[in-house]
Amino acid sequence: MRFERWSARRALLLVLVLASLVSCGGRSTPAAERAPSTMRSTEGENAQLVVFAASSLLGPFEQLGEAFRSRHPSVAVSFNFAGSAQLVAQLEQGALADVAAFADLDNMRRAQAAGLIRGEPVVFARNRLALVVPASNPAGIERLADLARPGVKVVLAHENVPAGRYARTMLTRASQRPDYGPDFAQRVLANVVSQEVNVKQVLAKVALGEADVGIVYVTDIEAAGPSVRALEIPSELNVIACYPIAVAAASQQPALAEEFIALVRSETGQQLLAQYGFEPVSRNLSEPGSCG
């Protein structure tokens, strides 16, 4: 009898212990459920925003990056500046970006067609072409027609780069005018000694004296300093470059990407772009406009 009573008590004690353990386990569940929230917070504190941008945007975008960091001290903003075609190729090869800003509409449409862009891009700035010569101007280049003179060393961006394509469009337009002659573009292209992957390299060739003249954006010359000087291209021949921006489809920070784009399009962003020589705009790609 005593043994049976002791066994019964022992069994009851075991049941109570098990119940206590189950109860303690139940209280630990909410803590486990809070873990993902804590992890998201940590990720937010160490977020990185990656911006792919045309090389001609280097100056204003670096300043906009600083402005963005001041609003989000815990967000690391990094930039990849290159020719627009290069940027699209990198995205096609799997490079991760949050924001994509190009110097032409064609490359943005190419990126859209490849499924690399989220939402609808917007045009945020315009740019124009200009001739750039060394400060000493040893070849005596004074006007567009001089590019066709025999022996003049011309450097252009590659035709796959927006600035290179725009330059060739401008030369073709000039060839349609009697004061330049139908073979003007052909004669200028015969003088080309180098084709570069972006406008920054075109500018560098001229600044170093490796070419007599190049065709770049107005904004590049304004940022180059006293080593070079600009010559205007007649407005009726010039090409207006439209710059679109959008969230990259693979963005891991789409909310931050949208906020960066909003900063670019804000009054602050537009004023900064204007300081670098861009013509500020704010319009959708679907709206009419003079581009290219």
C-alpha atoms as a PDB file:
ATOM      1  CA  MET A   1       0.000   0.000   0.000  1.00  0.00           C
ATOM      2  CA  ARG A   2       2.714   2.421   0.922  1.00  0.00           C
ATOM      3  CA  PHE A   3       4.535   1.566  -2.301  1.00  0.00           C
ATOM      4  CA  GLU A   4       1.382   2.146  -4.364  1.00  0.00           C
ATOM      5  CA  ARG A   5       0.718   5.517  -2.635  1.00  0.00           C
ATOM      6  CA  TRP A   6       4.364   6.533  -3.232  1.00  0.00           C
ATOM      7  CA  SER A   7       4.145   5.524  -6.914  1.00  0.00           C
ATOM      8  CA  ALA A   8       0.949   7.517  -7.335  1.00  0.00           C
ATOM      9  CA  ARG A   9       2.542  10.584  -5.761  1.00  0.00           C
ATOM     10  CA  ARG A  10       5.599  10.134  -7.943  1.00  0.00           C
ATOM     11  CA  ALA A  11       3.440   9.926 -11.073  1.00  0.00           C
ATOM     12  CA  LEU A  12       1.535  13.069 -10.069  1.00  0.00           C
ATOM     13  CA  LEU A  13       4.813  14.921  -9.471  1.00  0.00           C
ATOM     14  CA  LEU A  14       6.063  13.871 -12.915  1.00  0.00           C
ATOM     15  CA  VAL A  15       2.879  15.156 -14.540  1.00  0.00           C
ATOM     16  CA  LEU A  16       3.247  18.522 -12.766  1.00  0.00           C
ATOM     17  CA  VAL A  17       6.891  18.832 -13.852  1.00  0.00           C
ATOM     18  CA  LEU A  18       5.994  18.085 -17.477  1.00  0.00           C
ATOM     19  CA  ALA A  19       3.172  20.609 -17.374  1.00  0.00           C
ATOM     20  CA  SER A  20       5.560  23.219 -16.017  1.00  0.00           C
ATOM     21  CA  LEU A  21       8.038  22.560 -18.809  1.00  0.00           C
ATOM     22  CA  VAL A  22       5.322  22.865 -21.462  1.00  0.00           C
ATOM     23  CA  SER A  23       4.161  26.115 -19.880  1.00  0.00           C
ATOM     24  CA  CYS A  24       7.697  27.540 -19.944  1.00  0.00           C
ATOM     25  CA  GLY A  25       8.097  26.507 -23.573  1.00  0.00           C
ATOM     26  CA  GLY A  26       4.900  28.327 -24.466  1.00  0.00           C
ATOM     27  CA  ARG A  27       6.178  31.564 -22.964  1.00  0.00           C
ATOM     28  CA  SER A  28       9.348  31.378 -25.089  1.00  0.00           C
ATOM     29  CA  THR A  29       7.406  31.387 -28.382  1.00  0.00           C
ATOM     30  CA  PRO A  30       6.744  35.150 -28.589  1.00  0.00           C
ATOM     31  CA  ALA A  31      10.469  35.835 -28.181  1.00  0.00           C
ATOM     32  CA  ALA A  32      11.160  33.533 -31.089  1.00  0.00           C
ATOM     33  CA  GLU A  33       8.512  35.312 -33.138  1.00  0.00           C
ATOM     34  CA  ARG A  34      10.180  38.651 -32.408  1.00  0.00           C
ATOM     35  CA  ALA A  35      13.516  37.490 -33.844  1.00  0.00           C
ATOM     36  CA  PRO A  36      12.665  38.259 -37.525  1.00  0.00           C
ATOM     37  CA  SER A  37      11.584  41.764 -36.530  1.00  0.00           C
ATOM     38  CA  THR A  38      14.916  42.291 -34.792  1.00  0.00           C
ATOM     39  CA  MET A  39      16.735  40.991 -37.846  1.00  0.00           C
ATOM     40  CA  ARG A  40      14.865  43.397 -40.161  1.00  0.00           C
ATOM     41  CA  SER A  41      15.790  46.270 -37.871  1.00  0.00           C
ATOM     42  CA  THR A  42      19.445  45.306 -38.039  1.00  0.00           C
ATOM     43  CA  GLU A  43      19.291  45.097 -41.819  1.00  0.00           C
ATOM     44  CA  GLY A  44      17.705  48.540 -41.967  1.00  0.00           C
ATOM     45  CA  GLU A  45      20.451  50.002 -39.810  1.00  0.00           C
ATOM     46  CA  ASN A  46      23.071  48.598 -42.182  1.00  0.00           C
ATOM     47  CA  ALA A  47      21.209  49.104 -45.465  1.00  0.00           C
ATOM     48  CA  GLN A  48      23.121  49.817 -48.652  1.00  0.00           C
ATOM     49  CA  LEU A  49      21.763  51.755 -51.606  1.00  0.00           C
ATOM     50  CA  VAL A  50      23.523  51.028 -54.907  1.00  0.00           C
ATOM     51  CA  VAL A  51      23.081  53.572 -57.693  1.00  0.00           C
ATOM     52  CA  PHE A  52      24.082  52.821 -61.295  1.00  0.00           C
ATOM     53  CA  ALA A  53      24.480  56.139 -63.130  1.00  0.00           C
ATOM     54  CA  ALA A  54      25.804  57.465 -66.436  1.00  0.00           C
ATOM     55  CA  SER A  55      29.334  58.816 -66.055  1.00  0.00           C
ATOM     56  CA  SER A  56      28.216  62.353 -66.944  1.00  0.00           C
ATOM     57  CA  LEU A  57      26.206  62.378 -63.686  1.00  0.00           C
ATOM     58  CA  LEU A  58      29.222  61.874 -61.446  1.00  0.00           C
ATOM     59  CA  GLY A  59      29.413  65.389 -59.987  1.00  0.00           C
ATOM     60  CA  PRO A  60      25.775  66.054 -59.085  1.00  0.00           C
ATOM     61  CA  PHE A  61      25.017  62.477 -58.029  1.00  0.00           C
ATOM     62  CA  GLU A  62      27.938  62.342 -55.617  1.00  0.00           C
ATOM     63  CA  GLN A  63      26.576  65.497 -53.985  1.00  0.00           C
ATOM     64  CA  LEU A  64      23.061  64.065 -53.957  1.00  0.00           C
ATOM     65  CA  GLY A  65      24.519  60.963 -52.324  1.00  0.00           C
ATOM     66  CA  GLU A  66      25.919  63.109 -49.532  1.00  0.00           C
ATOM     67  CA  ALA A  67      22.539  64.797 -49.092  1.00  0.00           C
ATOM     68  CA  PHE A  68      20.867  61.382 -48.942  1.00  0.00           C
ATOM     69  CA  ARG A  69      23.355  60.140 -46.326  1.00  0.00           C
ATOM     70  CA  SER A  70      22.663  63.185 -44.171  1.00  0.00           C
ATOM     71  CA  ARG A  71      19.003  62.159 -44.106  1.00  0.00           C
ATOM     72  CA  HIS A  72      19.842  58.473 -43.552  1.00  0.00           C
ATOM     73  CA  PRO A  73      23.115  58.262 -41.593  1.00  0.00           C
ATOM     74  CA  SER A  74      22.825  54.490 -41.279  1.00  0.00           C
ATOM     75  CA  VAL A  75      22.462  53.926 -45.044  1.00  0.00           C
ATOM     76  CA  ALA A  76      25.604  53.365 -47.124  1.00  0.00           C
ATOM     77  CA  VAL A  77      25.201  54.902 -50.591  1.00  0.00           C
ATOM     78  CA  SER A  78      27.521  53.617 -53.306  1.00  0.00           C
ATOM     79  CA  PHE A  79      27.744  54.563 -56.980  1.00  0.00           C
ATOM     80  CA  ASN A  80      28.757  52.803 -60.162  1.00  0.00           C
ATOM     81  CA  PHE A  81      29.449  55.397 -62.873  1.00  0.00           C
ATOM     82  CA  ALA A  82      29.926  54.153 -66.435  1.00  0.00           C
ATOM     83  CA  GLY A  83      28.573  54.500 -69.942  1.00  0.00           C
ATOM     84  CA  SER A  84      24.853  53.768 -70.085  1.00  0.00           C
ATOM     85  CA  ALA A  85      25.298  50.774 -72.387  1.00  0.00           C
ATOM     86  CA  GLN A  86      27.902  49.354 -69.984  1.00  0.00           C
ATOM     87  CA  LEU A  87      25.515  49.766 -67.072  1.00  0.00           C
ATOM     88  CA  VAL A  88      22.730  47.907 -68.866  1.00  0.00           C
ATOM     89  CA  ALA A  89      25.149  45.126 -69.802  1.00  0.00           C
ATOM     90  CA  GLN A  90      26.214  44.805 -66.163  1.00  0.00           C
ATOM     91  CA  LEU A  91      22.586  44.570 -65.063  1.00  0.00           C
ATOM     92  CA  GLU A  92      21.941  41.935 -67.714  1.00  0.00           C
ATOM     93  CA  GLN A  93      24.866  39.938 -66.338  1.00  0.00           C
ATOM     94  CA  GLY A  94      23.350  39.944 -62.850  1.00  0.00           C
ATOM     95  CA  ALA A  95      24.906  42.990 -61.199  1.00  0.00           C
ATOM     96  CA  LEU A  96      22.748  44.211 -58.319  1.00  0.00           C
ATOM     97  CA  ALA A  97      21.562  47.812 -58.237  1.00  0.00           C
ATOM     98  CA  ASP A  98      18.757  49.729 -56.590  1.00  0.00           C
ATOM     99  CA  VAL A  99      18.608  52.776 -58.873  1.00  0.00           C
ATOM    100  CA  ALA A 100      19.420  53.060 -62.586  1.00  0.00           C
ATOM    101  CA  ALA A 101      19.989  56.459 -64.244  1.00  0.00           C
ATOM    102  CA  PHE A 102      21.007  56.588 -67.900  1.00  0.00           C
ATOM    103  CA  ALA A 103      21.962  59.308 -70.386  1.00  0.00           C
ATOM    104  CA  ASP A 104      19.448  58.234 -73.015  1.00  0.00           C
ATOM    105  CA  LEU A 105      16.015  56.728 -73.446  1.00  0.00           C
ATOM    106  CA  ASP A 106      17.162  53.883 -75.694  1.00  0.00           C
ATOM    107  CA  ASN A 107      19.205  52.168 -72.981  1.00  0.00           C
ATOM    108  CA  MET A 108      16.386  52.590 -70.475  1.00  0.00           C
ATOM    109  CA  ARG A 109      13.970  50.952 -72.917  1.00  0.00           C
ATOM    110  CA  ARG A 110      16.501  48.164 -73.468  1.00  0.00           C
ATOM    111  CA  ALA A 111      16.673  47.622 -69.702  1.00  0.00           C
ATOM    112  CA  GLN A 112      12.874  47.636 -69.484  1.00  0.00           C
ATOM    113  CA  ALA A 113      12.571  45.082 -72.280  1.00  0.00           C
ATOM    114  CA  ALA A 114      14.998  42.817 -70.412  1.00  0.00           C
ATOM    115  CA  GLY A 115      12.901  43.028 -67.232  1.00  0.00           C
ATOM    116  CA  LEU A 116      15.584  44.956 -65.356  1.00  0.00           C
ATOM    117  CA  ILE A 117      13.436  47.942 -64.378  1.00  0.00           C
ATOM    118  CA  ARG A 118      10.612  48.201 -61.850  1.00  0.00           C
ATOM    119  CA  GLY A 119       7.776  50.640 -62.468  1.00  0.00           C
ATOM    120  CA  GLU A 120       7.788  53.537 -64.914  1.00  0.00           C
ATOM    121  CA  PRO A 121      11.006  55.525 -65.475  1.00  0.00           C
ATOM    122  CA  VAL A 122      10.952  59.320 -65.395  1.00  0.00           C
ATOM    123  CA  VAL A 123      13.137  61.864 -67.178  1.00  0.00           C
ATOM    124  CA  PHE A 124      14.865  64.068 -64.602  1.00  0.00           C
ATOM    125  CA  ALA A 125      17.377  66.134 -66.620  1.00  0.00           C
ATOM    126  CA  ARG A 126      18.497  67.169 -70.091  1.00  0.00           C
ATOM    127  CA  ASN A 127      21.942  67.801 -71.504  1.00  0.00           C
ATOM    128  CA  ARG A 128      23.504  69.139 -74.695  1.00  0.00           C
ATOM    129  CA  LEU A 129      26.640  68.480 -76.709  1.00  0.00           C
ATOM    130  CA  ALA A 130      29.619  70.820 -76.981  1.00  0.00           C
ATOM    131  CA  LEU A 131      33.055  70.795 -78.561  1.00  0.00           C
ATOM    132  CA  VAL A 132      35.966  70.598 -76.140  1.00  0.00           C
ATOM    133  CA  VAL A 133      39.543  71.632 -76.958  1.00  0.00           C
ATOM    134  CA  PRO A 134      42.715  71.886 -74.863  1.00  0.00           C
ATOM    135  CA  ALA A 135      43.100  75.242 -73.136  1.00  0.00           C
ATOM    136  CA  SER A 136      46.010  76.093 -75.471  1.00  0.00           C
ATOM    137  CA  ASN A 137      43.995  74.948 -78.525  1.00  0.00           C
ATOM    138  CA  PRO A 138      47.085  74.071 -80.634  1.00  0.00           C
ATOM    139  CA  ALA A 139      45.031  73.074 -83.672  1.00  0.00           C
ATOM    140  CA  GLY A 140      43.192  76.400 -83.720  1.00  0.00           C
ATOM    141  CA  ILE A 141      39.715  74.845 -83.576  1.00  0.00           C
ATOM    142  CA  GLU A 142      37.125  77.625 -83.456  1.00  0.00           C
ATOM    143  CA  ARG A 143      33.948  76.160 -84.919  1.00  0.00           C
ATOM    144  CA  LEU A 144      32.279  72.891 -85.820  1.00  0.00           C
ATOM    145  CA  ALA A 145      33.390  73.053 -89.462  1.00  0.00           C
ATOM    146  CA  ASP A 146      37.047  72.870 -88.353  1.00  0.00           C
ATOM    147  CA  LEU A 147      36.609  69.231 -87.301  1.00  0.00           C
ATOM    148  CA  ALA A 148      36.675  68.222 -90.963  1.00  0.00           C
ATOM    149  CA  ARG A 149      40.041  69.860 -91.717  1.00  0.00           C
ATOM    150  CA  PRO A 150      42.714  67.344 -92.756  1.00  0.00           C
ATOM    151  CA  GLY A 151      45.002  66.334 -89.908  1.00  0.00           C
ATOM    152  CA  VAL A 152      42.729  67.396 -87.052  1.00  0.00           C
ATOM    153  CA  LYS A 153      42.726  64.743 -84.324  1.00  0.00           C
ATOM    154  CA  VAL A 154      39.155  64.105 -83.184  1.00  0.00           C
ATOM    155  CA  VAL A 155      38.093  61.891 -80.292  1.00  0.00           C
ATOM    156  CA  LEU A 156      34.517  60.680 -79.809  1.00  0.00           C
ATOM    157  CA  ALA A 157      32.659  58.376 -77.491  1.00  0.00           C
ATOM    158  CA  HIS A 158      31.934  55.000 -79.071  1.00  0.00           C
ATOM    159  CA  GLU A 159      28.752  54.843 -81.124  1.00  0.00           C
ATOM    160  CA  ASN A 160      27.259  52.404 -78.575  1.00  0.00           C
ATOM    161  CA  VAL A 161      27.536  55.127 -75.923  1.00  0.00           C
ATOM    162  CA  PRO A 162      24.768  57.762 -75.865  1.00  0.00           C
ATOM    163  CA  ALA A 163      27.211  60.665 -76.270  1.00  0.00           C
ATOM    164  CA  GLY A 164      28.840  58.906 -79.218  1.00  0.00           C
ATOM    165  CA  ARG A 165      25.489  58.252 -80.865  1.00  0.00           C
ATOM    166  CA  TYR A 166      24.377  61.841 -80.263  1.00  0.00           C
ATOM    167  CA  ALA A 167      27.623  63.151 -81.784  1.00  0.00           C
ATOM    168  CA  ARG A 168      27.103  61.141 -84.952  1.00  0.00           C
ATOM    169  CA  THR A 169      23.494  62.317 -85.171  1.00  0.00           C
ATOM    170  CA  MET A 170      24.699  65.912 -84.912  1.00  0.00           C
ATOM    171  CA  LEU A 171      27.318  65.384 -87.628  1.00  0.00           C
ATOM    172  CA  THR A 172      24.683  63.843 -89.903  1.00  0.00           C
ATOM    173  CA  ARG A 173      22.451  66.875 -89.379  1.00  0.00           C
ATOM    174  CA  ALA A 174      25.333  69.154 -90.341  1.00  0.00           C
ATOM    175  CA  SER A 175      25.906  67.133 -93.505  1.00  0.00           C
ATOM    176  CA  GLN A 176      22.396  68.017 -94.612  1.00  0.00           C
ATOM    177  CA  ARG A 177      23.232  71.729 -94.636  1.00  0.00           C
ATOM    178  CA  PRO A 178      24.949  73.304 -97.664  1.00  0.00           C
ATOM    179  CA  ASP A 179      27.438  75.274 -95.549  1.00  0.00           C
ATOM    180  CA  TYR A 180      28.964  72.007 -94.273  1.00  0.00           C
ATOM    181  CA  GLY A 181      28.597  69.783 -97.336  1.00  0.00           C
ATOM    182  CA  PRO A 182      27.086  66.301 -97.785  1.00  0.00           C
ATOM    183  CA  ASP A 183      30.350  64.561 -96.892  1.00  0.00           C
ATOM    184  CA  PHE A 184      30.959  66.545 -93.698  1.00  0.00           C
ATOM    185  CA  ALA A 185      30.217  63.686 -91.307  1.00  0.00           C
ATOM    186  CA  GLN A 186      32.381  61.335 -93.366  1.00  0.00           C
ATOM    187  CA  ARG A 187      35.331  63.748 -93.299  1.00  0.00           C
ATOM    188  CA  VAL A 188      35.049  64.291 -89.531  1.00  0.00           C
ATOM    189  CA  LEU A 189      34.827  60.560 -88.822  1.00  0.00           C
ATOM    190  CA  ALA A 190      37.939  60.049 -90.956  1.00  0.00           C
ATOM    191  CA  ASN A 191      39.764  62.288 -88.470  1.00  0.00           C
ATOM    192  CA  VAL A 192      38.732  60.243 -85.433  1.00  0.00           C
ATOM    193  CA  VAL A 193      41.835  58.922 -83.682  1.00  0.00           C
ATOM    194  CA  SER A 194      40.095  57.324 -80.696  1.00  0.00           C
ATOM    195  CA  GLN A 195      36.674  56.105 -79.608  1.00  0.00           C
ATOM    196  CA  GLU A 196      36.110  55.998 -75.859  1.00  0.00           C
ATOM    197  CA  VAL A 197      33.696  54.036 -73.685  1.00  0.00           C
ATOM    198  CA  ASN A 198      32.362  57.161 -71.950  1.00  0.00           C
ATOM    199  CA  VAL A 199      32.527  60.951 -72.167  1.00  0.00           C
ATOM    200  CA  LYS A 200      34.865  61.260 -69.188  1.00  0.00           C
ATOM    201  CA  GLN A 201      37.547  59.453 -71.166  1.00  0.00           C
ATOM    202  CA  VAL A 202      36.924  61.658 -74.214  1.00  0.00           C
ATOM    203  CA  LEU A 203      37.453  64.689 -72.004  1.00  0.00           C
ATOM    204  CA  ALA A 204      40.608  63.167 -70.497  1.00  0.00           C
ATOM    205  CA  LYS A 205      42.131  62.567 -73.950  1.00  0.00           C
ATOM    206  CA  VAL A 206      41.603  66.213 -74.864  1.00  0.00           C
ATOM    207  CA  ALA A 207      42.842  67.546 -71.521  1.00  0.00           C
ATOM    208  CA  LEU A 208      46.036  65.489 -71.884  1.00  0.00           C
ATOM    209  CA  GLY A 209      46.644  66.846 -75.395  1.00  0.00           C
ATOM    210  CA  GLU A 210      46.168  63.457 -77.047  1.00  0.00           C
ATOM    211  CA  ALA A 211      43.470  64.932 -79.309  1.00  0.00           C
ATOM    212  CA  ASP A 212      42.760  68.356 -80.789  1.00  0.00           C
ATOM    213  CA  VAL A 213      39.025  68.271 -80.156  1.00  0.00           C
ATOM    214  CA  GLY A 214      36.327  66.062 -78.702  1.00  0.00           C
ATOM    215  CA  ILE A 215      32.550  66.036 -78.536  1.00  0.00           C
ATOM    216  CA  VAL A 216      31.179  65.742 -75.016  1.00  0.00           C
ATOM    217  CA  TYR A 217      28.341  67.107 -72.911  1.00  0.00           C
ATOM    218  CA  VAL A 218      28.225  70.730 -71.809  1.00  0.00           C
ATOM    219  CA  THR A 219      28.158  69.502 -68.209  1.00  0.00           C
ATOM    220  CA  ASP A 220      31.460  67.648 -68.577  1.00  0.00           C
ATOM    221  CA  ILE A 221      33.299  70.759 -69.700  1.00  0.00           C
ATOM    222  CA  GLU A 222      31.877  72.882 -66.893  1.00  0.00           C
ATOM    223  CA  ALA A 223      33.242  70.390 -64.365  1.00  0.00           C
ATOM    224  CA  ALA A 224      36.646  70.006 -66.045  1.00  0.00           C
ATOM    225  CA  GLY A 225      38.310  73.219 -64.922  1.00  0.00           C
ATOM    226  CA  PRO A 226      40.891  75.350 -66.767  1.00  0.00           C
ATOM    227  CA  SER A 227      42.638  72.521 -68.639  1.00  0.00           C
ATOM    228  CA  VAL A 228      40.071  72.662 -71.430  1.00  0.00           C
ATOM    229  CA  ARG A 229      37.624  75.107 -72.960  1.00  0.00           C
ATOM    230  CA  ALA A 230      34.283  74.735 -74.679  1.00  0.00           C
ATOM    231  CA  LEU A 231      33.078  75.694 -78.132  1.00  0.00           C
ATOM    232  CA  GLU A 232      29.358  75.836 -78.838  1.00  0.00           C
ATOM    233  CA  ILE A 233      27.613  73.670 -81.391  1.00  0.00           C
ATOM    234  CA  PRO A 234      24.919  75.539 -83.362  1.00  0.00           C
ATOM    235  CA  SER A 235      21.604  74.970 -81.613  1.00  0.00           C
ATOM    236  CA  GLU A 236      19.869  73.896 -84.822  1.00  0.00           C
ATOM    237  CA  LEU A 237      22.341  71.016 -85.112  1.00  0.00           C
ATOM    238  CA  ASN A 238      22.732  70.103 -81.467  1.00  0.00           C
ATOM    239  CA  VAL A 239      21.125  67.101 -79.803  1.00  0.00           C
ATOM    240  CA  ILE A 240      19.202  67.183 -76.534  1.00  0.00           C
ATOM    241  CA  ALA A 241      19.998  64.225 -74.311  1.00  0.00           C
ATOM    242  CA  CYS A 242      17.235  63.126 -71.940  1.00  0.00           C
ATOM    243  CA  TYR A 243      18.214  61.351 -68.723  1.00  0.00           C
ATOM    244  CA  PRO A 244      15.749  58.767 -67.333  1.00  0.00           C
ATOM    245  CA  ILE A 245      15.859  57.232 -63.849  1.00  0.00           C
ATOM    246  CA  ALA A 246      14.072  54.243 -62.322  1.00  0.00           C
ATOM    247  CA  VAL A 247      14.150  51.607 -59.590  1.00  0.00           C
ATOM    248  CA  ALA A 248      16.054  48.489 -60.631  1.00  0.00           C
ATOM    249  CA  ALA A 249      13.934  45.330 -60.693  1.00  0.00           C
ATOM    250  CA  ALA A 250      16.400  43.455 -58.476  1.00  0.00           C
ATOM    251  CA  SER A 251      16.544  46.232 -55.873  1.00  0.00           C
ATOM    252  CA  GLN A 252      16.820  45.004 -52.298  1.00  0.00           C
ATOM    253  CA  GLN A 253      15.929  48.481 -51.026  1.00  0.00           C
ATOM    254  CA  PRO A 254      13.033  49.655 -53.237  1.00  0.00           C
ATOM    255  CA  ALA A 255      11.691  52.130 -50.668  1.00  0.00           C
ATOM    256  CA  LEU A 256      15.107  53.787 -50.328  1.00  0.00           C
ATOM    257  CA  ALA A 257      15.503  53.715 -54.104  1.00  0.00           C
ATOM    258  CA  GLU A 258      12.210  55.568 -54.527  1.00  0.00           C
ATOM    259  CA  GLU A 259      13.321  58.103 -51.934  1.00  0.00           C
ATOM    260  CA  PHE A 260      16.606  58.717 -53.772  1.00  0.00           C
ATOM    261  CA  ILE A 261      14.718  59.255 -57.025  1.00  0.00           C
ATOM    262  CA  ALA A 262      12.395  61.673 -55.239  1.00  0.00           C
ATOM    263  CA  LEU A 263      15.457  63.600 -54.036  1.00  0.00           C
ATOM    264  CA  VAL A 264      16.830  63.796 -57.589  1.00  0.00           C
ATOM    265  CA  ARG A 265      13.502  65.181 -58.816  1.00  0.00           C
ATOM    266  CA  SER A 266      13.006  67.521 -55.867  1.00  0.00           C
ATOM    267  CA  GLU A 267      13.658  71.249 -56.001  1.00  0.00           C
ATOM    268  CA  THR A 268      16.964  70.624 -54.223  1.00  0.00           C
ATOM    269  CA  GLY A 269      17.988  67.990 -56.746  1.00  0.00           C
ATOM    270  CA  GLN A 270      16.943  70.035 -59.749  1.00  0.00           C
ATOM    271  CA  GLN A 271      18.816  73.094 -58.523  1.00  0.00           C
ATOM    272  CA  LEU A 272      21.945  71.017 -57.999  1.00  0.00           C
ATOM    273  CA  LEU A 273      21.694  69.553 -61.503  1.00  0.00           C
ATOM    274  CA  ALA A 274      21.307  73.071 -62.897  1.00  0.00           C
ATOM    275  CA  GLN A 275      24.500  74.121 -61.114  1.00  0.00           C
ATOM    276  CA  TYR A 276      26.330  71.443 -63.107  1.00  0.00           C
ATOM    277  CA  GLY A 277      24.867  72.670 -66.388  1.00  0.00           C
ATOM    278  CA  PHE A 278      21.984  70.228 -66.757  1.00  0.00           C
ATOM    279  CA  GLU A 279      18.610  71.458 -67.903  1.00  0.00           C
ATOM    280  CA  PRO A 280      16.250  70.281 -65.136  1.00  0.00           C
ATOM    281  CA  VAL A 281      12.969  68.611 -66.039  1.00  0.00           C
ATOM    282  CA  SER A 282      10.382  66.400 -64.400  1.00  0.00           C
ATOM    283  CA  ARG A 283       8.298  64.407 -66.806  1.00  0.00           C
ATOM    284  CA  ASN A 284       7.285  60.836 -67.622  1.00  0.00           C
ATOM    285  CA  LEU A 285       8.781  59.016 -70.576  1.00  0.00           C
ATOM    286  CA  SER A 286       5.329  58.730 -72.096  1.00  0.00           C
ATOM    287  CA  GLU A 287       4.971  62.513 -72.333  1.00  0.00           C
ATOM    288  CA  PRO A 288       6.148  64.258 -75.497  1.00  0.00           C
ATOM    289  CA  GLY A 289       9.498  65.970 -75.448  1.00  0.00           C
ATOM    290  CA  SER A 290      12.538  66.787 -77.549  1.00  0.00           C
ATOM    291  CA  CYS A 291      15.089  64.068 -76.861  1.00  0.00           C
ATOM    292  CA  GLY A 292      17.892  62.689 -78.966  1.00  0.00           C
END
